[in-house]
Protein backbone atom coordinates (compact mmCIF):
# COMPACT_ATOMS: atom_id res chain seq x y z
CA MET A 1 -15.14 11.63 15.50
CA HIS A 2 -13.00 9.83 12.90
CA ALA A 3 -10.75 12.87 12.54
CA ALA A 4 -9.88 12.65 16.25
CA LEU A 5 -9.02 8.96 15.86
CA ASP A 6 -6.87 9.73 12.83
CA ASP A 7 -5.09 12.48 14.80
CA GLN A 8 -4.44 10.00 17.62
CA LEU A 9 -3.11 7.34 15.25
CA LEU A 10 -0.61 9.76 13.73
CA GLU A 11 0.45 11.06 17.13
CA ARG A 12 0.87 7.50 18.45
CA VAL A 13 3.50 6.80 15.78
CA GLY A 14 5.22 10.16 16.29
CA ILE A 15 3.75 12.09 13.35
CA LYS A 16 2.35 15.56 13.96
CA PRO A 17 -1.12 15.69 12.35
CA ASN A 18 -1.88 18.42 9.82
CA ARG A 19 -4.57 18.79 7.19
CA TYR A 20 -2.47 17.29 4.39
CA ARG A 21 -1.43 14.26 6.42
CA LEU A 22 -4.97 13.64 7.63
CA GLU A 23 -6.37 13.86 4.11
CA LEU A 24 -3.60 11.62 2.78
CA MET A 25 -4.43 9.07 5.47
CA ARG A 26 -8.16 9.25 4.65
CA PHE A 27 -7.40 8.80 0.96
CA LEU A 28 -5.22 5.74 1.57
CA LYS A 29 -7.65 4.17 4.03
CA GLY A 30 -10.52 4.58 1.58
CA SER A 31 -8.72 3.52 -1.58
CA ARG A 32 -8.36 0.04 -3.04
CA ASP A 33 -6.51 1.28 -6.11
CA HIS A 34 -2.92 0.83 -4.88
CA ALA A 35 -2.21 4.33 -6.13
CA THR A 36 1.07 5.89 -7.20
CA ALA A 37 2.32 9.08 -5.55
CA GLU A 38 1.35 10.93 -8.73
CA THR A 39 -2.27 9.72 -8.71
CA ILE A 40 -2.55 10.50 -5.00
CA TYR A 41 -1.17 13.97 -5.64
CA GLN A 42 -3.66 14.54 -8.47
CA SER A 43 -6.53 13.47 -6.24
CA LEU A 44 -5.50 15.60 -3.26
CA SER A 45 -4.68 18.67 -5.33
CA GLY A 46 -8.37 18.91 -6.26
CA LYS A 47 -9.18 19.56 -2.62
CA PHE A 48 -5.93 21.35 -1.74
CA PRO A 49 -4.71 23.37 -4.75
CA ASP A 50 -1.71 24.56 -2.72
CA ILE A 51 -0.40 21.05 -1.97
CA SER A 52 2.82 20.10 -3.75
CA PHE A 53 3.90 16.76 -5.13
CA ALA A 54 6.88 16.87 -2.75
CA THR A 55 4.50 17.16 0.23
CA VAL A 56 2.59 14.07 -0.89
CA TYR A 57 5.75 12.10 -1.66
CA ASN A 58 7.53 13.05 1.57
CA ASN A 59 4.48 12.18 3.68
CA LEU A 60 4.06 8.84 1.92
CA ASN A 61 7.67 8.07 2.84
CA LEU A 62 7.06 9.19 6.41
CA PHE A 63 3.96 6.96 6.63
CA TYR A 64 6.01 4.09 5.18
CA LYS A 65 8.79 4.51 7.75
CA GLN A 66 6.16 4.41 10.52
CA HIS A 67 4.53 1.27 9.03
CA LEU A 68 1.25 3.01 8.19
CA VAL A 69 1.49 2.20 4.49
CA ARG A 70 3.02 -0.55 2.40
CA ARG A 71 4.83 0.23 -0.78
CA PHE A 72 5.70 -2.14 -3.57
CA PHE A 73 6.63 -2.06 -7.23
CA THR A 74 4.67 -3.19 -10.27
CA SER A 75 6.31 -4.95 -13.18
CA GLU A 76 6.64 -1.49 -14.75
CA ARG A 77 8.66 -0.40 -11.68
CA GLU A 78 5.92 1.99 -10.55
CA THR A 79 5.89 2.50 -6.81
CA ARG A 80 2.43 1.80 -5.43
CA TYR A 81 1.09 2.58 -1.95
CA ASP A 82 -1.48 0.76 0.15
CA TRP A 83 -2.83 1.40 3.66
CA ALA A 84 -1.34 -1.14 6.06
CA GLY A 85 -4.49 -1.74 8.12
CA VAL A 86 -5.53 -5.31 7.27
CA PRO A 87 -2.72 -7.79 6.50
CA HIS A 88 -2.87 -9.03 2.93
CA HIS A 89 -0.70 -9.92 -0.04
CA HIS A 90 -0.73 -8.59 -3.60
CA PHE A 91 -1.11 -10.09 -7.06
CA ILE A 92 0.41 -7.93 -9.80
CA CYS A 93 -0.49 -8.52 -13.44
CA GLN A 94 2.66 -8.41 -15.54
CA GLN A 95 0.73 -7.22 -18.58
CA CYS A 96 -1.57 -4.44 -17.33
CA SER A 97 -0.05 -3.80 -13.85
CA GLN A 98 -3.43 -4.28 -12.16
CA VAL A 99 -2.94 -4.97 -8.45
CA LEU A 100 -5.32 -7.25 -6.57
CA ASP A 101 -5.45 -7.93 -2.84
CA ILE A 102 -5.12 -11.52 -1.66
CA PRO A 103 -6.25 -12.22 1.93
CA ALA A 104 -3.30 -13.04 4.18
CA ASP A 105 -4.85 -16.26 5.42
CA SER A 106 -5.17 -17.66 1.89
CA ILE A 107 -1.40 -18.14 1.59
CA THR A 108 0.59 -20.39 3.88
CA LEU A 109 4.31 -19.80 4.25
CA SER A 110 6.72 -22.00 6.11
CA VAL A 111 10.18 -21.06 7.27
CA ASP A 112 12.99 -23.51 7.82
CA PRO A 113 13.19 -24.06 11.61
CA ALA A 114 16.91 -23.14 11.68
CA ILE A 115 16.18 -19.81 10.02
CA GLU A 116 13.19 -19.22 12.28
CA ARG A 117 15.38 -19.77 15.37
CA ALA A 118 18.04 -17.38 14.07
CA LEU A 119 15.69 -14.57 13.09
CA HIS A 120 12.86 -12.77 14.80
CA ILE A 121 10.29 -12.67 11.97
CA GLN A 122 7.68 -10.00 12.59
CA GLY A 123 5.57 -10.39 9.48
CA THR A 124 5.51 -11.26 5.82
CA GLU A 125 4.38 -9.61 2.64
CA THR A 126 4.10 -11.52 -0.60
CA LEU A 127 4.02 -10.16 -4.14
CA ILE A 128 2.68 -12.64 -6.66
CA TYR A 129 3.27 -11.90 -10.33
CA GLY A 130 1.28 -13.37 -13.19
CA VAL A 131 -1.41 -12.55 -15.72
CA CYS A 132 -4.87 -11.46 -14.57
CA THR A 133 -8.05 -12.89 -16.07
CA ARG A 134 -8.61 -9.72 -18.14
CA CYS A 135 -5.24 -10.15 -19.88
CA GLN A 136 -5.37 -13.92 -20.40
CA PRO A 137 -6.20 -15.04 -23.93
CA GLN A 138 -9.76 -16.29 -24.25
CA ASP A 139 -8.54 -19.72 -25.38
CA ALA A 140 -6.07 -20.13 -22.50
CA PRO A 141 -6.52 -23.31 -20.44
CA GLN A 142 -8.12 -22.64 -17.05
């Protein structure tokens, strides 16, 4: 049942479904790790030994162009990928590069009315950089 829905989603955005694309989509939908192309490739190659890194990378870019995934960069300039299903923002630790989701409704943004009139804003995505609780010194003020 889910496979048919995944096929339909890809077709709706103009992507021809195939086994690699469907598995890539399932991986991204089920992952909260904000994986790199390399880690996605390593995971998928266990199931599909014949898949190439180029196939994974090119399909990630295709998904990105069709707004199915978000991509962003950590402080180490690693490109990370995330399924674009539920709107949210990201916190990126500048020490360990851990990425955490922040619910979209927990951040309020305001746009100058003159800019808002001039532009047709369709959405926002915020990257917040700092130090996660794991990397903070134990004696740091809270």
